[in-house]
Amino acid sequence: MTMRKIESGTGTLQSTTLTSLDKALKWPQGASLRALDPQIESLDHAIEALGEVDIRRIKIRPRTELSDVVDRRTPRSRHRSEHPRPQQQRAINTRALLVAAAAHEFASTGYAAASINTILDTAQCTKGAMYFHFKSKEEMAHAVLDEIHTTYTDIAQHWTADDSAHPLDAIACLIDEIADADDDILRAETRLVLEPEFRTRRPSATWEAALTELADTAHKTGALRGRTTAQTLTKTLVNGLAGARYRNEVLAAGQSVRDSYREAADLAFAAFADENYLNAIMGHRQEQTA
């Protein structure tokens, strides 16, 4: 049994003890138990998963003694420090490394072919450390999509909240920042959302909604040509950016993502933006190249 993997003398780590350990170290409920996953191959892996810095300083004790250790490590004051403890910071850093390595692997090979061993090699982490944070490859993929969603949300909120920028300028800047996001993030999302398990997860919907909001502002302020609606501009932009991404990903066009996205945005603006805006943009670009 999993609970018998770590034993000392006559004492065995019980689930109640591990629950106390979770609380004392402010870990998610069940984290200590997860660190004892059957796929963990050694005590070294388990200790690393539990977030300890130096394996040589740790000695597993019978449950009566371990309870005393937990009690001593529990803060006496209700006012706890806002700064994470060393083992907590290490766990945070390890998780970030695993998510980044997973994003790179999913971007390179897709979800089905992604190798956990390759992810571990890239992150330079053990299986014990990985199973402390993630139960499976699928859970890791969801974490990657969560990270992508956070990145896109920050970008979208910044440009929809900037009232000083012309709405079409804000759209152009938003698209530039999306293109400048980590390339693994862009490619990982492209591959993951094609899988049945993640089809309902579309982080890009966040910035697409921001495009719609900015396009609506452009329409209301007369920045769009003739009968052009906000929906027309948004759909044209989203489809154009998707095509640009596909061209870069599949056809290896040799053009940067930013340049491809800018080209798609320029085509949409040329078709739907008000003449005054286009003339101002052309004048600005001529000044920059002069």
C-alpha atoms as a PDB file:
ATOM      1  CA  MET A   1       0.000   0.000   0.000  1.00  0.00           C
ATOM      2  CA  THR A   2       1.075   3.560  -0.635  1.00  0.00           C
ATOM      3  CA  MET A   3       0.975   4.432   3.063  1.00  0.00           C
ATOM      4  CA  ARG A   4       3.522   1.691   3.801  1.00  0.00           C
ATOM      5  CA  LYS A   5       6.155   3.089   1.470  1.00  0.00           C
ATOM      6  CA  ILE A   6       7.578   5.323   4.180  1.00  0.00           C
ATOM      7  CA  GLU A   7       8.043   3.489   7.458  1.00  0.00           C
ATOM      8  CA  SER A   8      10.296   3.870  10.444  1.00  0.00           C
ATOM      9  CA  GLY A   9      10.355   1.356  13.267  1.00  0.00           C
ATOM     10  CA  THR A  10       6.814   0.457  14.185  1.00  0.00           C
ATOM     11  CA  GLY A  11       5.396   3.778  13.134  1.00  0.00           C
ATOM     12  CA  THR A  12       3.687   4.462   9.790  1.00  0.00           C
ATOM     13  CA  LEU A  13       2.719   7.859   8.353  1.00  0.00           C
ATOM     14  CA  GLN A  14      -1.041   7.991   8.721  1.00  0.00           C
ATOM     15  CA  SER A  15      -3.455  10.096   6.656  1.00  0.00           C
ATOM     16  CA  THR A  16      -4.273  12.205   9.727  1.00  0.00           C
ATOM     17  CA  THR A  17      -0.593  13.009  10.197  1.00  0.00           C
ATOM     18  CA  LEU A  18      -0.257  14.009   6.553  1.00  0.00           C
ATOM     19  CA  THR A  19      -3.330  16.217   6.845  1.00  0.00           C
ATOM     20  CA  SER A  20      -1.676  17.961   9.796  1.00  0.00           C
ATOM     21  CA  LEU A  21       1.457  18.383   7.688  1.00  0.00           C
ATOM     22  CA  ASP A  22      -0.560  20.014   4.898  1.00  0.00           C
ATOM     23  CA  LYS A  23      -2.023  22.502   7.379  1.00  0.00           C
ATOM     24  CA  ALA A  24       1.256  23.232   9.120  1.00  0.00           C
ATOM     25  CA  LEU A  25       3.073  23.986   5.849  1.00  0.00           C
ATOM     26  CA  LYS A  26       0.070  25.719   4.249  1.00  0.00           C
ATOM     27  CA  TRP A  27      -0.029  23.255   1.351  1.00  0.00           C
ATOM     28  CA  PRO A  28      -3.189  22.340  -0.606  1.00  0.00           C
ATOM     29  CA  GLN A  29      -5.251  19.641   1.090  1.00  0.00           C
ATOM     30  CA  GLY A  30      -3.953  16.220   0.127  1.00  0.00           C
ATOM     31  CA  ALA A  31      -0.597  17.471  -1.182  1.00  0.00           C
ATOM     32  CA  SER A  32       1.454  15.378   1.236  1.00  0.00           C
ATOM     33  CA  LEU A  33      -0.544  12.277   0.428  1.00  0.00           C
ATOM     34  CA  ARG A  34      -0.129  12.941  -3.290  1.00  0.00           C
ATOM     35  CA  ALA A  35       3.619  13.056  -2.783  1.00  0.00           C
ATOM     36  CA  LEU A  36       3.382   9.388  -1.808  1.00  0.00           C
ATOM     37  CA  ASP A  37       1.946   8.442  -5.190  1.00  0.00           C
ATOM     38  CA  PRO A  38       2.796   4.831  -6.175  1.00  0.00           C
ATOM     39  CA  GLN A  39       4.772   6.133  -9.161  1.00  0.00           C
ATOM     40  CA  ILE A  40       7.286   7.793  -6.842  1.00  0.00           C
ATOM     41  CA  GLU A  41      10.255   5.501  -6.976  1.00  0.00           C
ATOM     42  CA  SER A  42      12.253   6.373  -3.871  1.00  0.00           C
ATOM     43  CA  LEU A  43      12.279   8.118  -0.530  1.00  0.00           C
ATOM     44  CA  ASP A  44      14.457  10.839  -2.074  1.00  0.00           C
ATOM     45  CA  HIS A  45      11.688  11.613  -4.573  1.00  0.00           C
ATOM     46  CA  ALA A  46       9.061  11.716  -1.831  1.00  0.00           C
ATOM     47  CA  ILE A  47      11.080  14.069   0.361  1.00  0.00           C
ATOM     48  CA  GLU A  48      11.767  16.381  -2.596  1.00  0.00           C
ATOM     49  CA  ALA A  49       8.080  16.371  -3.449  1.00  0.00           C
ATOM     50  CA  LEU A  50       7.311  17.436   0.109  1.00  0.00           C
ATOM     51  CA  GLY A  51       9.429  20.531  -0.493  1.00  0.00           C
ATOM     52  CA  GLU A  52      12.397  19.883   1.771  1.00  0.00           C
ATOM     53  CA  VAL A  53      15.643  21.595   0.770  1.00  0.00           C
ATOM     54  CA  ASP A  54      18.219  19.184   2.188  1.00  0.00           C
ATOM     55  CA  ILE A  55      17.492  15.470   2.194  1.00  0.00           C
ATOM     56  CA  ARG A  56      20.298  14.824   4.687  1.00  0.00           C
ATOM     57  CA  ARG A  57      18.552  16.831   7.372  1.00  0.00           C
ATOM     58  CA  ILE A  58      15.298  14.879   7.182  1.00  0.00           C
ATOM     59  CA  LYS A  59      14.596  11.705   9.143  1.00  0.00           C
ATOM     60  CA  ILE A  60      11.234   9.975   9.037  1.00  0.00           C
ATOM     61  CA  ARG A  61      10.021   9.277  12.573  1.00  0.00           C
ATOM     62  CA  PRO A  62       7.268   7.193  14.157  1.00  0.00           C
ATOM     63  CA  ARG A  63       3.904   8.905  14.075  1.00  0.00           C
ATOM     64  CA  THR A  64       4.061  10.060  17.726  1.00  0.00           C
ATOM     65  CA  GLU A  65       7.346  11.893  17.105  1.00  0.00           C
ATOM     66  CA  LEU A  66       6.238  13.231  13.723  1.00  0.00           C
ATOM     67  CA  SER A  67       3.190  14.796  15.362  1.00  0.00           C
ATOM     68  CA  ASP A  68       5.518  16.667  17.696  1.00  0.00           C
ATOM     69  CA  VAL A  69       7.507  17.928  14.708  1.00  0.00           C
ATOM     70  CA  VAL A  70       4.321  19.177  13.046  1.00  0.00           C
ATOM     71  CA  ASP A  71       3.291  20.941  16.251  1.00  0.00           C
ATOM     72  CA  ARG A  72       6.652  22.698  16.548  1.00  0.00           C
ATOM     73  CA  ARG A  73       6.494  23.854  12.919  1.00  0.00           C
ATOM     74  CA  THR A  74       3.009  25.310  13.304  1.00  0.00           C
ATOM     75  CA  PRO A  75       3.243  29.109  13.751  1.00  0.00           C
ATOM     76  CA  ARG A  76       2.286  30.207  17.267  1.00  0.00           C
ATOM     77  CA  SER A  77       1.199  33.630  16.099  1.00  0.00           C
ATOM     78  CA  ARG A  78      -1.920  34.207  14.096  1.00  0.00           C
ATOM     79  CA  HIS A  79      -0.088  36.911  12.159  1.00  0.00           C
ATOM     80  CA  ARG A  80       1.852  34.871   9.625  1.00  0.00           C
ATOM     81  CA  SER A  81       4.493  36.292   7.340  1.00  0.00           C
ATOM     82  CA  GLU A  82       3.372  37.294   3.859  1.00  0.00           C
ATOM     83  CA  HIS A  83       6.626  35.956   2.457  1.00  0.00           C
ATOM     84  CA  PRO A  84       6.601  32.254   1.556  1.00  0.00           C
ATOM     85  CA  ARG A  85       8.864  29.932   3.474  1.00  0.00           C
ATOM     86  CA  PRO A  86      11.901  28.558   1.629  1.00  0.00           C
ATOM     87  CA  GLN A  87      10.221  25.217   0.958  1.00  0.00           C
ATOM     88  CA  GLN A  88       7.070  26.986  -0.229  1.00  0.00           C
ATOM     89  CA  GLN A  89       9.060  29.232  -2.566  1.00  0.00           C
ATOM     90  CA  ARG A  90      10.883  26.192  -3.857  1.00  0.00           C
ATOM     91  CA  ALA A  91       7.553  24.486  -4.558  1.00  0.00           C
ATOM     92  CA  ILE A  92       6.328  27.608  -6.397  1.00  0.00           C
ATOM     93  CA  ASN A  93       9.484  27.708  -8.513  1.00  0.00           C
ATOM     94  CA  THR A  94       9.302  23.985  -9.246  1.00  0.00           C
ATOM     95  CA  ARG A  95       5.702  24.260 -10.398  1.00  0.00           C
ATOM     96  CA  ALA A  96       6.568  27.174 -12.693  1.00  0.00           C
ATOM     97  CA  LEU A  97       9.422  25.169 -14.215  1.00  0.00           C
ATOM     98  CA  LEU A  98       7.143  22.194 -14.808  1.00  0.00           C
ATOM     99  CA  VAL A  99       4.445  24.343 -16.461  1.00  0.00           C
ATOM    100  CA  ALA A 100       6.996  26.030 -18.736  1.00  0.00           C
ATOM    101  CA  ALA A 101       8.554  22.688 -19.668  1.00  0.00           C
ATOM    102  CA  ALA A 102       5.124  21.189 -20.330  1.00  0.00           C
ATOM    103  CA  ALA A 103       4.162  24.144 -22.541  1.00  0.00           C
ATOM    104  CA  HIS A 104       7.334  23.619 -24.563  1.00  0.00           C
ATOM    105  CA  GLU A 105       6.683  19.891 -24.925  1.00  0.00           C
ATOM    106  CA  PHE A 106       3.016  20.336 -25.906  1.00  0.00           C
ATOM    107  CA  ALA A 107       4.009  23.057 -28.374  1.00  0.00           C
ATOM    108  CA  SER A 108       6.647  20.820 -29.940  1.00  0.00           C
ATOM    109  CA  THR A 109       4.907  17.449 -30.093  1.00  0.00           C
ATOM    110  CA  GLY A 110       1.244  17.945 -29.281  1.00  0.00           C
ATOM    111  CA  TYR A 111      -0.604  16.470 -26.311  1.00  0.00           C
ATOM    112  CA  ALA A 112      -0.790  12.785 -27.246  1.00  0.00           C
ATOM    113  CA  ALA A 113       2.906  12.463 -28.087  1.00  0.00           C
ATOM    114  CA  ALA A 114       4.113  14.598 -25.185  1.00  0.00           C
ATOM    115  CA  SER A 115       6.471  12.715 -22.879  1.00  0.00           C
ATOM    116  CA  ILE A 116       6.412  13.202 -19.120  1.00  0.00           C
ATOM    117  CA  ASN A 117      10.038  12.094 -18.968  1.00  0.00           C
ATOM    118  CA  THR A 118      10.997  14.799 -21.474  1.00  0.00           C
ATOM    119  CA  ILE A 119       9.095  17.385 -19.435  1.00  0.00           C
ATOM    120  CA  LEU A 120      10.966  16.271 -16.308  1.00  0.00           C
ATOM    121  CA  ASP A 121      14.310  16.422 -18.117  1.00  0.00           C
ATOM    122  CA  THR A 122      13.579  19.929 -19.404  1.00  0.00           C
ATOM    123  CA  ALA A 123      12.452  21.162 -15.986  1.00  0.00           C
ATOM    124  CA  GLN A 124      15.218  19.188 -14.242  1.00  0.00           C
ATOM    125  CA  CYS A 125      12.702  17.852 -11.740  1.00  0.00           C
ATOM    126  CA  THR A 126      12.014  14.416 -10.300  1.00  0.00           C
ATOM    127  CA  LYS A 127       8.800  12.437 -10.635  1.00  0.00           C
ATOM    128  CA  GLY A 128       8.210  13.017  -6.957  1.00  0.00           C
ATOM    129  CA  ALA A 129       8.264  16.763  -7.443  1.00  0.00           C
ATOM    130  CA  MET A 130       5.927  16.491 -10.418  1.00  0.00           C
ATOM    131  CA  TYR A 131       3.354  14.289  -8.676  1.00  0.00           C
ATOM    132  CA  PHE A 132       3.315  16.685  -5.758  1.00  0.00           C
ATOM    133  CA  HIS A 133       1.847  19.310  -8.097  1.00  0.00           C
ATOM    134  CA  PHE A 134       0.051  17.316 -10.808  1.00  0.00           C
ATOM    135  CA  LYS A 135      -1.775  13.997 -10.786  1.00  0.00           C
ATOM    136  CA  SER A 136      -1.431  13.418 -14.522  1.00  0.00           C
ATOM    137  CA  LYS A 137      -0.338  14.794 -17.876  1.00  0.00           C
ATOM    138  CA  GLU A 138      -3.883  16.018 -18.432  1.00  0.00           C
ATOM    139  CA  GLU A 139      -3.797  18.035 -15.218  1.00  0.00           C
ATOM    140  CA  MET A 140      -0.494  19.527 -16.344  1.00  0.00           C
ATOM    141  CA  ALA A 141      -2.034  20.523 -19.674  1.00  0.00           C
ATOM    142  CA  HIS A 142      -4.858  22.288 -17.852  1.00  0.00           C
ATOM    143  CA  ALA A 143      -2.236  24.174 -15.827  1.00  0.00           C
ATOM    144  CA  VAL A 144      -0.577  25.299 -19.070  1.00  0.00           C
ATOM    145  CA  LEU A 145      -3.926  26.533 -20.389  1.00  0.00           C
ATOM    146  CA  ASP A 146      -4.532  28.336 -17.077  1.00  0.00           C
ATOM    147  CA  GLU A 147      -1.174  30.106 -17.466  1.00  0.00           C
ATOM    148  CA  ILE A 148      -2.052  31.089 -21.026  1.00  0.00           C
ATOM    149  CA  HIS A 149      -5.422  32.413 -19.855  1.00  0.00           C
ATOM    150  CA  THR A 150      -3.714  34.535 -17.184  1.00  0.00           C
ATOM    151  CA  THR A 151      -1.284  35.990 -19.735  1.00  0.00           C
ATOM    152  CA  TYR A 152      -4.061  36.879 -22.172  1.00  0.00           C
ATOM    153  CA  THR A 153      -6.281  38.299 -19.423  1.00  0.00           C
ATOM    154  CA  ASP A 154      -3.553  40.681 -18.250  1.00  0.00           C
ATOM    155  CA  ILE A 155      -2.999  41.936 -21.807  1.00  0.00           C
ATOM    156  CA  ALA A 156      -6.722  42.298 -22.531  1.00  0.00           C
ATOM    157  CA  GLN A 157      -7.465  44.149 -19.296  1.00  0.00           C
ATOM    158  CA  HIS A 158      -4.628  46.592 -19.854  1.00  0.00           C
ATOM    159  CA  TRP A 159      -5.798  47.729 -23.281  1.00  0.00           C
ATOM    160  CA  THR A 160      -9.529  47.766 -22.596  1.00  0.00           C
ATOM    161  CA  ALA A 161      -8.875  49.933 -19.524  1.00  0.00           C
ATOM    162  CA  ASP A 162      -6.742  52.495 -21.393  1.00  0.00           C
ATOM    163  CA  ASP A 163      -9.195  55.276 -22.244  1.00  0.00           C
ATOM    164  CA  SER A 164      -6.438  57.543 -23.563  1.00  0.00           C
ATOM    165  CA  ALA A 165      -5.640  55.380 -26.597  1.00  0.00           C
ATOM    166  CA  HIS A 166      -7.554  55.467 -29.879  1.00  0.00           C
ATOM    167  CA  PRO A 167      -9.575  52.194 -29.975  1.00  0.00           C
ATOM    168  CA  LEU A 168      -7.895  51.041 -33.190  1.00  0.00           C
ATOM    169  CA  ASP A 169      -4.471  51.867 -31.758  1.00  0.00           C
ATOM    170  CA  ALA A 170      -5.416  49.841 -28.676  1.00  0.00           C
ATOM    171  CA  ILE A 171      -6.389  46.915 -30.936  1.00  0.00           C
ATOM    172  CA  ALA A 172      -3.053  47.130 -32.749  1.00  0.00           C
ATOM    173  CA  CYS A 173      -1.119  47.224 -29.469  1.00  0.00           C
ATOM    174  CA  LEU A 174      -3.127  44.351 -28.007  1.00  0.00           C
ATOM    175  CA  ILE A 175      -2.353  42.233 -31.078  1.00  0.00           C
ATOM    176  CA  ASP A 176       1.342  43.131 -30.821  1.00  0.00           C
ATOM    177  CA  GLU A 177       1.452  42.017 -27.190  1.00  0.00           C
ATOM    178  CA  ILE A 178      -0.334  38.759 -27.961  1.00  0.00           C
ATOM    179  CA  ALA A 179       2.236  38.103 -30.679  1.00  0.00           C
ATOM    180  CA  ASP A 180       5.062  38.944 -28.266  1.00  0.00           C
ATOM    181  CA  ALA A 181       3.841  36.427 -25.685  1.00  0.00           C
ATOM    182  CA  ASP A 182       6.093  33.415 -25.207  1.00  0.00           C
ATOM    183  CA  ASP A 183       6.105  31.413 -28.440  1.00  0.00           C
ATOM    184  CA  ASP A 184       5.600  28.153 -26.548  1.00  0.00           C
ATOM    185  CA  ILE A 185       2.407  29.604 -25.093  1.00  0.00           C
ATOM    186  CA  LEU A 186       0.980  30.458 -28.509  1.00  0.00           C
ATOM    187  CA  ARG A 187       1.905  27.096 -30.005  1.00  0.00           C
ATOM    188  CA  ALA A 188       0.811  25.083 -26.968  1.00  0.00           C
ATOM    189  CA  GLU A 189      -2.659  26.613 -27.051  1.00  0.00           C
ATOM    190  CA  THR A 190      -2.934  25.991 -30.794  1.00  0.00           C
ATOM    191  CA  ARG A 191      -2.204  22.294 -30.303  1.00  0.00           C
ATOM    192  CA  LEU A 192      -3.999  21.643 -27.023  1.00  0.00           C
ATOM    193  CA  VAL A 193      -7.376  23.125 -27.943  1.00  0.00           C
ATOM    194  CA  LEU A 194      -7.602  20.691 -30.861  1.00  0.00           C
ATOM    195  CA  GLU A 195      -7.712  17.765 -28.436  1.00  0.00           C
ATOM    196  CA  PRO A 196     -11.164  16.534 -27.288  1.00  0.00           C
ATOM    197  CA  GLU A 197     -10.141  16.892 -23.619  1.00  0.00           C
ATOM    198  CA  PHE A 198      -9.478  20.610 -23.999  1.00  0.00           C
ATOM    199  CA  ARG A 199     -11.855  21.691 -26.743  1.00  0.00           C
ATOM    200  CA  THR A 200     -13.889  23.784 -24.302  1.00  0.00           C
ATOM    201  CA  ARG A 201     -10.731  25.540 -23.084  1.00  0.00           C
ATOM    202  CA  ARG A 202      -9.998  28.497 -25.330  1.00  0.00           C
ATOM    203  CA  PRO A 203      -7.779  31.047 -23.555  1.00  0.00           C
ATOM    204  CA  SER A 204      -7.707  33.156 -26.716  1.00  0.00           C
ATOM    205  CA  ALA A 205     -11.416  33.847 -26.197  1.00  0.00           C
ATOM    206  CA  THR A 206     -10.276  36.325 -23.535  1.00  0.00           C
ATOM    207  CA  TRP A 207      -8.437  38.627 -25.916  1.00  0.00           C
ATOM    208  CA  GLU A 208     -11.031  38.033 -28.639  1.00  0.00           C
ATOM    209  CA  ALA A 209     -13.622  39.477 -26.246  1.00  0.00           C
ATOM    210  CA  ALA A 210     -11.327  42.462 -25.695  1.00  0.00           C
ATOM    211  CA  LEU A 211     -11.099  42.934 -29.475  1.00  0.00           C
ATOM    212  CA  THR A 212     -14.895  42.972 -29.647  1.00  0.00           C
ATOM    213  CA  GLU A 213     -15.096  45.587 -26.886  1.00  0.00           C
ATOM    214  CA  LEU A 214     -12.518  47.840 -28.543  1.00  0.00           C
ATOM    215  CA  ALA A 215     -14.107  47.366 -31.966  1.00  0.00           C
ATOM    216  CA  ASP A 216     -17.461  48.391 -30.479  1.00  0.00           C
ATOM    217  CA  THR A 217     -15.835  51.566 -29.116  1.00  0.00           C
ATOM    218  CA  ALA A 218     -14.322  52.232 -32.542  1.00  0.00           C
ATOM    219  CA  HIS A 219     -17.759  51.853 -34.134  1.00  0.00           C
ATOM    220  CA  LYS A 220     -19.447  54.165 -31.638  1.00  0.00           C
ATOM    221  CA  THR A 221     -16.790  56.866 -32.089  1.00  0.00           C
ATOM    222  CA  GLY A 222     -17.004  56.783 -35.894  1.00  0.00           C
ATOM    223  CA  ALA A 223     -13.597  55.200 -36.407  1.00  0.00           C
ATOM    224  CA  LEU A 224     -14.988  52.531 -38.752  1.00  0.00           C
ATOM    225  CA  ARG A 225     -15.902  53.026 -42.381  1.00  0.00           C
ATOM    226  CA  GLY A 226     -19.487  53.137 -43.654  1.00  0.00           C
ATOM    227  CA  ARG A 227     -21.690  50.300 -42.428  1.00  0.00           C
ATOM    228  CA  THR A 228     -18.876  48.301 -40.895  1.00  0.00           C
ATOM    229  CA  THR A 229     -19.942  46.790 -37.576  1.00  0.00           C
ATOM    230  CA  ALA A 230     -17.830  45.868 -34.590  1.00  0.00           C
ATOM    231  CA  GLN A 231     -18.628  42.198 -35.234  1.00  0.00           C
ATOM    232  CA  THR A 232     -17.365  42.462 -38.832  1.00  0.00           C
ATOM    233  CA  LEU A 233     -14.047  43.941 -37.760  1.00  0.00           C
ATOM    234  CA  THR A 234     -13.603  41.441 -34.908  1.00  0.00           C
ATOM    235  CA  LYS A 235     -14.390  38.412 -37.068  1.00  0.00           C
ATOM    236  CA  THR A 236     -12.026  39.609 -39.783  1.00  0.00           C
ATOM    237  CA  LEU A 237      -9.232  40.162 -37.265  1.00  0.00           C
ATOM    238  CA  VAL A 238      -9.698  36.833 -35.476  1.00  0.00           C
ATOM    239  CA  ASN A 239      -9.820  34.879 -38.745  1.00  0.00           C
ATOM    240  CA  GLY A 240      -6.845  36.783 -40.125  1.00  0.00           C
ATOM    241  CA  LEU A 241      -4.757  36.157 -37.000  1.00  0.00           C
ATOM    242  CA  ALA A 242      -5.681  32.472 -37.004  1.00  0.00           C
ATOM    243  CA  GLY A 243      -4.598  32.224 -40.628  1.00  0.00           C
ATOM    244  CA  ALA A 244      -1.343  34.032 -39.863  1.00  0.00           C
ATOM    245  CA  ARG A 245      -0.659  31.651 -36.998  1.00  0.00           C
ATOM    246  CA  TYR A 246      -1.389  28.619 -39.166  1.00  0.00           C
ATOM    247  CA  ARG A 247       0.915  29.905 -41.882  1.00  0.00           C
ATOM    248  CA  ASN A 248       3.761  30.363 -39.420  1.00  0.00           C
ATOM    249  CA  GLU A 249       3.167  27.061 -37.639  1.00  0.00           C
ATOM    250  CA  VAL A 250       2.474  24.694 -40.517  1.00  0.00           C
ATOM    251  CA  LEU A 251       3.973  26.324 -43.585  1.00  0.00           C
ATOM    252  CA  ALA A 252       7.056  27.697 -41.793  1.00  0.00           C
ATOM    253  CA  ALA A 253       6.702  30.991 -43.623  1.00  0.00           C
ATOM    254  CA  GLY A 254       9.889  32.366 -42.086  1.00  0.00           C
ATOM    255  CA  GLN A 255       8.128  35.494 -40.840  1.00  0.00           C
ATOM    256  CA  SER A 256       7.909  36.443 -37.176  1.00  0.00           C
ATOM    257  CA  VAL A 257       4.566  36.033 -35.451  1.00  0.00           C
ATOM    258  CA  ARG A 258       4.459  39.770 -34.756  1.00  0.00           C
ATOM    259  CA  ASP A 259       5.001  40.647 -38.427  1.00  0.00           C
ATOM    260  CA  SER A 260       2.393  38.118 -39.535  1.00  0.00           C
ATOM    261  CA  TYR A 261      -0.131  39.441 -37.019  1.00  0.00           C
ATOM    262  CA  ARG A 262       0.581  43.049 -37.981  1.00  0.00           C
ATOM    263  CA  GLU A 263       0.058  42.200 -41.624  1.00  0.00           C
ATOM    264  CA  ALA A 264      -3.332  40.636 -40.829  1.00  0.00           C
ATOM    265  CA  ALA A 265      -4.326  43.659 -38.728  1.00  0.00           C
ATOM    266  CA  ASP A 266      -3.221  46.131 -41.435  1.00  0.00           C
ATOM    267  CA  LEU A 267      -5.383  44.342 -44.005  1.00  0.00           C
ATOM    268  CA  ALA A 268      -8.416  44.548 -41.712  1.00  0.00           C
ATOM    269  CA  PHE A 269      -7.807  48.220 -40.942  1.00  0.00           C
ATOM    270  CA  ALA A 270      -7.328  49.033 -44.635  1.00  0.00           C
ATOM    271  CA  ALA A 271     -10.715  47.490 -45.367  1.00  0.00           C
ATOM    272  CA  PHE A 272     -12.756  48.867 -42.473  1.00  0.00           C
ATOM    273  CA  ALA A 273     -11.037  51.820 -40.743  1.00  0.00           C
ATOM    274  CA  ASP A 274     -12.125  55.398 -41.325  1.00  0.00           C
ATOM    275  CA  GLU A 275     -10.097  57.321 -43.925  1.00  0.00           C
ATOM    276  CA  ASN A 276      -9.002  59.912 -41.365  1.00  0.00           C
ATOM    277  CA  TYR A 277      -7.478  57.208 -39.185  1.00  0.00           C
ATOM    278  CA  LEU A 278      -5.726  55.559 -42.128  1.00  0.00           C
ATOM    279  CA  ASN A 279      -4.300  58.882 -43.294  1.00  0.00           C
ATOM    280  CA  ALA A 280      -3.013  59.588 -39.783  1.00  0.00           C
ATOM    281  CA  ILE A 281      -1.385  56.154 -39.606  1.00  0.00           C
ATOM    282  CA  MET A 282       0.267  56.533 -42.993  1.00  0.00           C
ATOM    283  CA  GLY A 283       1.567  59.959 -42.049  1.00  0.00           C
ATOM    284  CA  HIS A 284       3.015  58.591 -38.810  1.00  0.00           C
ATOM    285  CA  ARG A 285       4.755  55.723 -40.599  1.00  0.00           C
ATOM    286  CA  GLN A 286       6.216  58.064 -43.188  1.00  0.00           C
ATOM    287  CA  GLU A 287       7.638  60.196 -40.368  1.00  0.00           C
ATOM    288  CA  GLN A 288       9.229  57.116 -38.800  1.00  0.00           C
ATOM    289  CA  THR A 289      10.876  56.016 -42.049  1.00  0.00           C
ATOM    290  CA  ALA A 290      12.013  59.529 -43.039  1.00  0.00           C
END
